[in-house]
Amino acid sequence: MSGEHRTVYPHIDVLFEDNHVLAVSKPVNIPSQEDATGDPDMLTILKQDLKERYNKPGNVYLGLVHRLDRPVGGAMVFAKTSKAASRLSEAVRSRSLRKRYVAVVHGTPSKANGRLVDMLYKDSRTNTVSVVPKGTEGAKEAVLDYTVLATNDKLSLVLIELHTGRPHQIRVQLSQLGHPLYGDQKYGSRLNKAGQQIALWSVQLGFPHPTSKEEIVIQAMPPAAHPWSLFQPKLIQRALQLRD
């Protein structure tokens, strides 16, 4: 089964599935895996769905290959076998798993496109990430490319190609640039109001299939809600087509 669009609990769209890979669109505010809150998480929900759908006895294997922050939605891929998990994890490490995001940010970057390179340090006690000088112990390099697609009502729609997968990377780097994400309470509290949903979405993933090596590309468009509704969906679709 491949490319079949359907929905599992509670409202998770399946983008692609075969014997090795399960790709879905993660709804916002669901953890990627179990956390201290005990709230339903993607890994548990999808395992239960596979168990019921295929009438499998005992535990179901599903490998978490990468994560999305809890408030972030969009394309996400899981491995259905340990071999697929190993190969997809290697694709993440070698950066042959391509990650593209869209975000709505405050203001308009002075350059329409560019590359951001920063050293990021994560403070595990506060679960916050900051930009630090090169050479800081424990800091890791973060790299992304961005393109401004449109500006509307003091907000800009930005396409991001992520080259490293650091915690909170997009949120921190764009805030450091002076353009925090709409709704980001952690890295843009000065401009955002409590209760706003962060406008960051995993719009496209590309990766070599773990067995056939065929290039698989999955896509999930952001919801038609504010602030996404300020921008035409075709702006995102056209930008993705130009890069493929």
C-alpha atoms as a PDB file:
ATOM      1  CA  MET A   1       0.000   0.000   0.000  1.00  0.00           C
ATOM      2  CA  SER A   2       1.515   3.302  -0.979  1.00  0.00           C
ATOM      3  CA  GLY A   3       0.341   6.850  -1.137  1.00  0.00           C
ATOM      4  CA  GLU A   4      -3.020   6.000   0.413  1.00  0.00           C
ATOM      5  CA  HIS A   5      -4.636   8.904   2.236  1.00  0.00           C
ATOM      6  CA  ARG A   6      -6.712   7.859   5.210  1.00  0.00           C
ATOM      7  CA  THR A   7      -7.064   8.830   8.827  1.00  0.00           C
ATOM      8  CA  VAL A   8      -6.342   7.022  12.114  1.00  0.00           C
ATOM      9  CA  TYR A   9      -7.052   8.039  15.700  1.00  0.00           C
ATOM     10  CA  PRO A  10      -7.627  10.811  16.506  1.00  0.00           C
ATOM     11  CA  HIS A  11      -7.153  12.678  13.207  1.00  0.00           C
ATOM     12  CA  ILE A  12      -3.818  11.525  11.839  1.00  0.00           C
ATOM     13  CA  ASP A  13      -3.509  11.422   8.034  1.00  0.00           C
ATOM     14  CA  VAL A  14      -1.466   8.538   6.616  1.00  0.00           C
ATOM     15  CA  LEU A  15       0.665   9.861   3.756  1.00  0.00           C
ATOM     16  CA  PHE A  16       2.530   6.697   2.729  1.00  0.00           C
ATOM     17  CA  GLU A  17       2.722   3.133   3.966  1.00  0.00           C
ATOM     18  CA  ASP A  18       4.278  -0.159   2.902  1.00  0.00           C
ATOM     19  CA  ASN A  19       5.831  -3.102   4.756  1.00  0.00           C
ATOM     20  CA  HIS A  20       8.837  -1.033   5.854  1.00  0.00           C
ATOM     21  CA  VAL A  21       7.748   2.581   6.307  1.00  0.00           C
ATOM     22  CA  LEU A  22       4.822   4.481   7.797  1.00  0.00           C
ATOM     23  CA  ALA A  23       4.621   8.213   7.041  1.00  0.00           C
ATOM     24  CA  VAL A  24       1.929  10.390   8.584  1.00  0.00           C
ATOM     25  CA  SER A  25       0.967  13.993   9.201  1.00  0.00           C
ATOM     26  CA  LYS A  26       1.398  14.654  12.910  1.00  0.00           C
ATOM     27  CA  PRO A  27      -1.297  16.893  14.406  1.00  0.00           C
ATOM     28  CA  VAL A  28      -0.136  19.798  16.558  1.00  0.00           C
ATOM     29  CA  ASN A  29       0.188  19.362  20.335  1.00  0.00           C
ATOM     30  CA  ILE A  30       0.708  15.596  20.305  1.00  0.00           C
ATOM     31  CA  PRO A  31       4.127  14.437  21.579  1.00  0.00           C
ATOM     32  CA  SER A  32       6.270  12.399  19.170  1.00  0.00           C
ATOM     33  CA  GLN A  33       6.833   9.839  21.928  1.00  0.00           C
ATOM     34  CA  GLU A  34       5.720   9.336  25.506  1.00  0.00           C
ATOM     35  CA  ASP A  35       6.712  12.141  27.837  1.00  0.00           C
ATOM     36  CA  ALA A  36       6.193  13.150  31.461  1.00  0.00           C
ATOM     37  CA  THR A  37       2.652  14.399  30.776  1.00  0.00           C
ATOM     38  CA  GLY A  38       1.375  10.909  29.985  1.00  0.00           C
ATOM     39  CA  ASP A  39      -0.706  12.400  27.145  1.00  0.00           C
ATOM     40  CA  PRO A  40      -1.384  10.239  24.052  1.00  0.00           C
ATOM     41  CA  ASP A  41       1.706  10.268  21.821  1.00  0.00           C
ATOM     42  CA  MET A  42       2.336   9.470  18.161  1.00  0.00           C
ATOM     43  CA  LEU A  43       4.369   6.319  18.708  1.00  0.00           C
ATOM     44  CA  THR A  44       1.785   4.743  21.033  1.00  0.00           C
ATOM     45  CA  ILE A  45      -1.200   5.797  18.886  1.00  0.00           C
ATOM     46  CA  LEU A  46       0.324   4.422  15.691  1.00  0.00           C
ATOM     47  CA  LYS A  47       1.442   1.156  17.303  1.00  0.00           C
ATOM     48  CA  GLN A  48      -2.103   0.594  18.546  1.00  0.00           C
ATOM     49  CA  ASP A  49      -3.499   1.373  15.098  1.00  0.00           C
ATOM     50  CA  LEU A  50      -1.138  -1.139  13.439  1.00  0.00           C
ATOM     51  CA  LYS A  51      -2.002  -3.771  16.047  1.00  0.00           C
ATOM     52  CA  GLU A  52      -5.731  -3.363  15.448  1.00  0.00           C
ATOM     53  CA  ARG A  53      -5.571  -2.906  11.691  1.00  0.00           C
ATOM     54  CA  TYR A  54      -3.410  -5.970  11.048  1.00  0.00           C
ATOM     55  CA  ASN A  55      -4.782  -7.985  13.970  1.00  0.00           C
ATOM     56  CA  LYS A  56      -1.269  -8.523  15.371  1.00  0.00           C
ATOM     57  CA  PRO A  57      -0.747 -10.450  18.620  1.00  0.00           C
ATOM     58  CA  GLY A  58       1.731  -9.158  21.209  1.00  0.00           C
ATOM     59  CA  ASN A  59       3.812  -6.022  20.827  1.00  0.00           C
ATOM     60  CA  VAL A  60       4.015  -4.171  17.519  1.00  0.00           C
ATOM     61  CA  TYR A  61       7.379  -2.804  16.366  1.00  0.00           C
ATOM     62  CA  LEU A  62       7.509   0.830  15.278  1.00  0.00           C
ATOM     63  CA  GLY A  63      10.773   2.762  15.224  1.00  0.00           C
ATOM     64  CA  LEU A  64      10.998   6.476  15.980  1.00  0.00           C
ATOM     65  CA  VAL A  65      13.436   7.855  13.403  1.00  0.00           C
ATOM     66  CA  HIS A  66      13.140  11.590  14.108  1.00  0.00           C
ATOM     67  CA  ARG A  67      11.016  13.885  16.267  1.00  0.00           C
ATOM     68  CA  LEU A  68       8.871  16.965  15.932  1.00  0.00           C
ATOM     69  CA  ASP A  69       8.424  19.325  18.886  1.00  0.00           C
ATOM     70  CA  ARG A  70       5.052  18.821  20.555  1.00  0.00           C
ATOM     71  CA  PRO A  71       3.478  22.079  19.220  1.00  0.00           C
ATOM     72  CA  VAL A  72       4.728  21.409  15.654  1.00  0.00           C
ATOM     73  CA  GLY A  73       2.686  19.442  13.119  1.00  0.00           C
ATOM     74  CA  GLY A  74       3.294  17.927   9.700  1.00  0.00           C
ATOM     75  CA  ALA A  75       5.154  15.174   7.856  1.00  0.00           C
ATOM     76  CA  MET A  76       6.810  12.517   9.991  1.00  0.00           C
ATOM     77  CA  VAL A  77       8.200   9.073   9.096  1.00  0.00           C
ATOM     78  CA  PHE A  78       8.390   5.913  11.228  1.00  0.00           C
ATOM     79  CA  ALA A  79      10.068   2.554  10.588  1.00  0.00           C
ATOM     80  CA  LYS A  80       7.995  -0.656  10.656  1.00  0.00           C
ATOM     81  CA  THR A  81      11.014  -2.975  10.965  1.00  0.00           C
ATOM     82  CA  SER A  82      14.304  -2.791  12.852  1.00  0.00           C
ATOM     83  CA  LYS A  83      16.236  -2.944   9.563  1.00  0.00           C
ATOM     84  CA  ALA A  84      14.246   0.013   8.214  1.00  0.00           C
ATOM     85  CA  ALA A  85      14.846   1.889  11.485  1.00  0.00           C
ATOM     86  CA  SER A  86      18.587   1.351  11.200  1.00  0.00           C
ATOM     87  CA  ARG A  87      18.719   2.517   7.579  1.00  0.00           C
ATOM     88  CA  LEU A  88      16.449   5.522   8.109  1.00  0.00           C
ATOM     89  CA  SER A  89      18.456   6.528  11.187  1.00  0.00           C
ATOM     90  CA  GLU A  90      21.589   6.368   9.053  1.00  0.00           C
ATOM     91  CA  ALA A  91      19.835   8.583   6.473  1.00  0.00           C
ATOM     92  CA  VAL A  92      19.223  11.107   9.256  1.00  0.00           C
ATOM     93  CA  ARG A  93      22.875  10.969  10.354  1.00  0.00           C
ATOM     94  CA  SER A  94      24.209  11.296   6.793  1.00  0.00           C
ATOM     95  CA  ARG A  95      21.689  14.070   6.058  1.00  0.00           C
ATOM     96  CA  SER A  96      20.202  12.154   3.123  1.00  0.00           C
ATOM     97  CA  LEU A  97      16.825  12.542   4.827  1.00  0.00           C
ATOM     98  CA  ARG A  98      15.751  15.973   3.570  1.00  0.00           C
ATOM     99  CA  LYS A  99      13.556  18.068   5.857  1.00  0.00           C
ATOM    100  CA  ARG A 100      11.630  21.112   4.683  1.00  0.00           C
ATOM    101  CA  TYR A 101       9.460  23.245   6.915  1.00  0.00           C
ATOM    102  CA  VAL A 102       7.276  26.297   6.524  1.00  0.00           C
ATOM    103  CA  ALA A 103       6.955  28.920   9.226  1.00  0.00           C
ATOM    104  CA  VAL A 104       5.193  32.222   9.749  1.00  0.00           C
ATOM    105  CA  VAL A 105       7.529  34.756  11.347  1.00  0.00           C
ATOM    106  CA  HIS A 106       7.161  38.302  12.652  1.00  0.00           C
ATOM    107  CA  GLY A 107       8.452  40.978  10.288  1.00  0.00           C
ATOM    108  CA  THR A 108      10.389  40.385   7.076  1.00  0.00           C
ATOM    109  CA  PRO A 109      14.050  39.280   6.965  1.00  0.00           C
ATOM    110  CA  SER A 110      16.247  41.859   5.213  1.00  0.00           C
ATOM    111  CA  LYS A 111      17.516  39.167   2.823  1.00  0.00           C
ATOM    112  CA  ALA A 112      14.886  37.228   0.839  1.00  0.00           C
ATOM    113  CA  ASN A 113      16.930  34.065   1.261  1.00  0.00           C
ATOM    114  CA  GLY A 114      20.017  33.009   3.127  1.00  0.00           C
ATOM    115  CA  ARG A 115      21.838  30.434   5.199  1.00  0.00           C
ATOM    116  CA  LEU A 116      21.923  30.621   8.993  1.00  0.00           C
ATOM    117  CA  VAL A 117      24.843  28.993  10.816  1.00  0.00           C
ATOM    118  CA  ASP A 118      24.886  29.197  14.621  1.00  0.00           C
ATOM    119  CA  MET A 119      26.294  27.323  17.578  1.00  0.00           C
ATOM    120  CA  LEU A 120      23.443  26.152  19.805  1.00  0.00           C
ATOM    121  CA  TYR A 121      23.560  25.039  23.423  1.00  0.00           C
ATOM    122  CA  LYS A 122      20.704  23.212  25.117  1.00  0.00           C
ATOM    123  CA  ASP A 123      20.084  23.724  28.844  1.00  0.00           C
ATOM    124  CA  SER A 124      18.395  20.466  29.867  1.00  0.00           C
ATOM    125  CA  ARG A 125      17.261  21.906  33.210  1.00  0.00           C
ATOM    126  CA  THR A 126      15.119  24.588  31.574  1.00  0.00           C
ATOM    127  CA  ASN A 127      14.590  22.830  28.206  1.00  0.00           C
ATOM    128  CA  THR A 128      15.730  25.959  26.409  1.00  0.00           C
ATOM    129  CA  VAL A 129      18.260  26.425  23.627  1.00  0.00           C
ATOM    130  CA  SER A 130      20.444  29.484  23.078  1.00  0.00           C
ATOM    131  CA  VAL A 131      22.962  30.760  20.531  1.00  0.00           C
ATOM    132  CA  VAL A 132      26.456  30.721  22.035  1.00  0.00           C
ATOM    133  CA  PRO A 133      29.993  31.583  20.864  1.00  0.00           C
ATOM    134  CA  LYS A 134      31.961  29.022  18.891  1.00  0.00           C
ATOM    135  CA  GLY A 135      34.040  26.842  21.178  1.00  0.00           C
ATOM    136  CA  THR A 136      31.442  26.761  23.977  1.00  0.00           C
ATOM    137  CA  GLU A 137      31.542  23.343  25.627  1.00  0.00           C
ATOM    138  CA  GLY A 138      28.525  21.221  24.695  1.00  0.00           C
ATOM    139  CA  ALA A 139      27.454  23.510  21.840  1.00  0.00           C
ATOM    140  CA  LYS A 140      26.578  22.048  18.422  1.00  0.00           C
ATOM    141  CA  GLU A 141      26.548  23.649  15.001  1.00  0.00           C
ATOM    142  CA  ALA A 142      23.109  24.344  13.491  1.00  0.00           C
ATOM    143  CA  VAL A 143      22.612  25.033   9.788  1.00  0.00           C
ATOM    144  CA  LEU A 144      19.490  25.924   7.805  1.00  0.00           C
ATOM    145  CA  ASP A 145      18.573  27.684   4.569  1.00  0.00           C
ATOM    146  CA  TYR A 146      15.522  29.929   4.389  1.00  0.00           C
ATOM    147  CA  THR A 147      13.508  31.619   1.628  1.00  0.00           C
ATOM    148  CA  VAL A 148      10.867  34.294   2.196  1.00  0.00           C
ATOM    149  CA  LEU A 149       7.831  33.311   0.092  1.00  0.00           C
ATOM    150  CA  ALA A 150       5.466  36.189   0.936  1.00  0.00           C
ATOM    151  CA  THR A 151       4.709  38.938   3.447  1.00  0.00           C
ATOM    152  CA  ASN A 152       1.255  39.862   4.754  1.00  0.00           C
ATOM    153  CA  ASP A 153       0.075  41.913   7.746  1.00  0.00           C
ATOM    154  CA  LYS A 154       3.553  42.293   9.319  1.00  0.00           C
ATOM    155  CA  LEU A 155       4.076  38.533   9.063  1.00  0.00           C
ATOM    156  CA  SER A 156       6.149  36.563   6.554  1.00  0.00           C
ATOM    157  CA  LEU A 157       5.803  33.038   5.190  1.00  0.00           C
ATOM    158  CA  VAL A 158       9.198  31.346   5.130  1.00  0.00           C
ATOM    159  CA  LEU A 159      10.326  28.025   3.606  1.00  0.00           C
ATOM    160  CA  ILE A 160      13.143  26.340   5.527  1.00  0.00           C
ATOM    161  CA  GLU A 161      15.507  23.555   4.500  1.00  0.00           C
ATOM    162  CA  LEU A 162      16.970  22.012   7.615  1.00  0.00           C
ATOM    163  CA  HIS A 163      20.525  20.664   7.338  1.00  0.00           C
ATOM    164  CA  THR A 164      20.990  19.741  11.008  1.00  0.00           C
ATOM    165  CA  GLY A 165      18.351  18.525  13.434  1.00  0.00           C
ATOM    166  CA  ARG A 166      19.142  20.364  16.670  1.00  0.00           C
ATOM    167  CA  PRO A 167      16.485  20.801  19.381  1.00  0.00           C
ATOM    168  CA  HIS A 168      14.338  23.915  18.789  1.00  0.00           C
ATOM    169  CA  GLN A 169      16.731  24.825  15.970  1.00  0.00           C
ATOM    170  CA  ILE A 170      14.394  26.693  13.606  1.00  0.00           C
ATOM    171  CA  ARG A 171      12.713  28.549  16.453  1.00  0.00           C
ATOM    172  CA  VAL A 172      16.002  29.687  17.997  1.00  0.00           C
ATOM    173  CA  GLN A 173      17.819  30.594  14.774  1.00  0.00           C
ATOM    174  CA  LEU A 174      14.968  32.679  13.358  1.00  0.00           C
ATOM    175  CA  SER A 175      14.498  34.400  16.717  1.00  0.00           C
ATOM    176  CA  GLN A 176      18.248  35.163  16.741  1.00  0.00           C
ATOM    177  CA  LEU A 177      17.819  36.651  13.250  1.00  0.00           C
ATOM    178  CA  GLY A 178      15.228  39.025  14.754  1.00  0.00           C
ATOM    179  CA  HIS A 179      12.166  37.287  13.340  1.00  0.00           C
ATOM    180  CA  PRO A 180      10.657  34.933  15.940  1.00  0.00           C
ATOM    181  CA  LEU A 181       7.948  32.515  14.886  1.00  0.00           C
ATOM    182  CA  TYR A 182       4.309  33.519  15.250  1.00  0.00           C
ATOM    183  CA  GLY A 183       2.917  31.941  18.421  1.00  0.00           C
ATOM    184  CA  ASP A 184       6.280  30.843  19.854  1.00  0.00           C
ATOM    185  CA  GLN A 185       5.981  31.558  23.579  1.00  0.00           C
ATOM    186  CA  LYS A 186       9.461  30.277  24.398  1.00  0.00           C
ATOM    187  CA  TYR A 187      11.579  32.227  21.903  1.00  0.00           C
ATOM    188  CA  GLY A 188       9.251  35.084  20.963  1.00  0.00           C
ATOM    189  CA  SER A 189       7.253  35.942  24.074  1.00  0.00           C
ATOM    190  CA  ARG A 190       7.747  39.686  23.524  1.00  0.00           C
ATOM    191  CA  LEU A 191       5.689  39.557  20.309  1.00  0.00           C
ATOM    192  CA  ASN A 192       3.338  36.632  20.915  1.00  0.00           C
ATOM    193  CA  LYS A 193       0.278  36.211  23.082  1.00  0.00           C
ATOM    194  CA  ALA A 194      -0.424  33.309  25.424  1.00  0.00           C
ATOM    195  CA  GLY A 195      -2.524  30.629  23.784  1.00  0.00           C
ATOM    196  CA  GLN A 196      -1.390  31.285  20.208  1.00  0.00           C
ATOM    197  CA  GLN A 197      -0.441  28.160  18.251  1.00  0.00           C
ATOM    198  CA  ILE A 198       3.134  28.166  16.986  1.00  0.00           C
ATOM    199  CA  ALA A 199       3.254  28.523  13.180  1.00  0.00           C
ATOM    200  CA  LEU A 200       5.857  25.894  12.282  1.00  0.00           C
ATOM    201  CA  TRP A 201       5.004  22.938  10.039  1.00  0.00           C
ATOM    202  CA  SER A 202       6.960  19.981   8.622  1.00  0.00           C
ATOM    203  CA  VAL A 203       5.839  20.372   5.010  1.00  0.00           C
ATOM    204  CA  GLN A 204       8.030  17.833   3.181  1.00  0.00           C
ATOM    205  CA  LEU A 205      10.342  14.895   3.859  1.00  0.00           C
ATOM    206  CA  GLY A 206      12.489  13.157   1.246  1.00  0.00           C
ATOM    207  CA  PHE A 207      14.454   9.984   1.937  1.00  0.00           C
ATOM    208  CA  PRO A 208      15.827   6.868   0.240  1.00  0.00           C
ATOM    209  CA  HIS A 209      13.488   3.932   0.818  1.00  0.00           C
ATOM    210  CA  PRO A 210      15.234   1.606   3.319  1.00  0.00           C
ATOM    211  CA  THR A 211      15.074  -1.447   1.006  1.00  0.00           C
ATOM    212  CA  SER A 212      14.432  -0.314  -2.590  1.00  0.00           C
ATOM    213  CA  LYS A 213      16.566   2.881  -2.268  1.00  0.00           C
ATOM    214  CA  GLU A 214      13.894   4.656  -4.337  1.00  0.00           C
ATOM    215  CA  GLU A 215      13.531   8.316  -3.353  1.00  0.00           C
ATOM    216  CA  ILE A 216      10.327   8.740  -1.349  1.00  0.00           C
ATOM    217  CA  VAL A 217       8.902  12.248  -0.978  1.00  0.00           C
ATOM    218  CA  ILE A 218       6.011  12.919   1.386  1.00  0.00           C
ATOM    219  CA  GLN A 219       4.205  16.190   1.796  1.00  0.00           C
ATOM    220  CA  ALA A 220       1.738  17.627   4.320  1.00  0.00           C
ATOM    221  CA  MET A 221       0.276  21.094   3.930  1.00  0.00           C
ATOM    222  CA  PRO A 222      -0.378  23.299   6.972  1.00  0.00           C
ATOM    223  CA  PRO A 223      -3.974  23.811   8.149  1.00  0.00           C
ATOM    224  CA  ALA A 224      -6.193  26.544   6.701  1.00  0.00           C
ATOM    225  CA  ALA A 225      -6.217  28.424  10.010  1.00  0.00           C
ATOM    226  CA  HIS A 226      -4.702  31.743  11.077  1.00  0.00           C
ATOM    227  CA  PRO A 227      -1.931  32.710  10.430  1.00  0.00           C
ATOM    228  CA  TRP A 228      -1.490  30.163   7.597  1.00  0.00           C
ATOM    229  CA  SER A 229      -4.724  31.437   6.037  1.00  0.00           C
ATOM    230  CA  LEU A 230      -3.041  34.792   5.348  1.00  0.00           C
ATOM    231  CA  PHE A 231      -1.078  33.088   2.563  1.00  0.00           C
ATOM    232  CA  GLN A 232      -2.109  31.130  -0.537  1.00  0.00           C
ATOM    233  CA  PRO A 233      -1.266  27.383  -0.270  1.00  0.00           C
ATOM    234  CA  LYS A 234      -0.049  27.487  -3.892  1.00  0.00           C
ATOM    235  CA  LEU A 235       2.892  29.661  -2.738  1.00  0.00           C
ATOM    236  CA  ILE A 236       4.198  26.697  -0.740  1.00  0.00           C
ATOM    237  CA  GLN A 237       3.395  24.134  -3.432  1.00  0.00           C
ATOM    238  CA  ARG A 238       5.137  26.174  -6.126  1.00  0.00           C
ATOM    239  CA  ALA A 239       8.229  26.698  -3.954  1.00  0.00           C
ATOM    240  CA  LEU A 240       8.494  22.963  -3.272  1.00  0.00           C
ATOM    241  CA  GLN A 241       8.128  22.115  -6.978  1.00  0.00           C
ATOM    242  CA  LEU A 242      10.923  24.535  -7.866  1.00  0.00           C
ATOM    243  CA  ARG A 243      13.271  22.747  -5.466  1.00  0.00           C
ATOM    244  CA  ASP A 244      12.554  19.182  -6.603  1.00  0.00           C
END
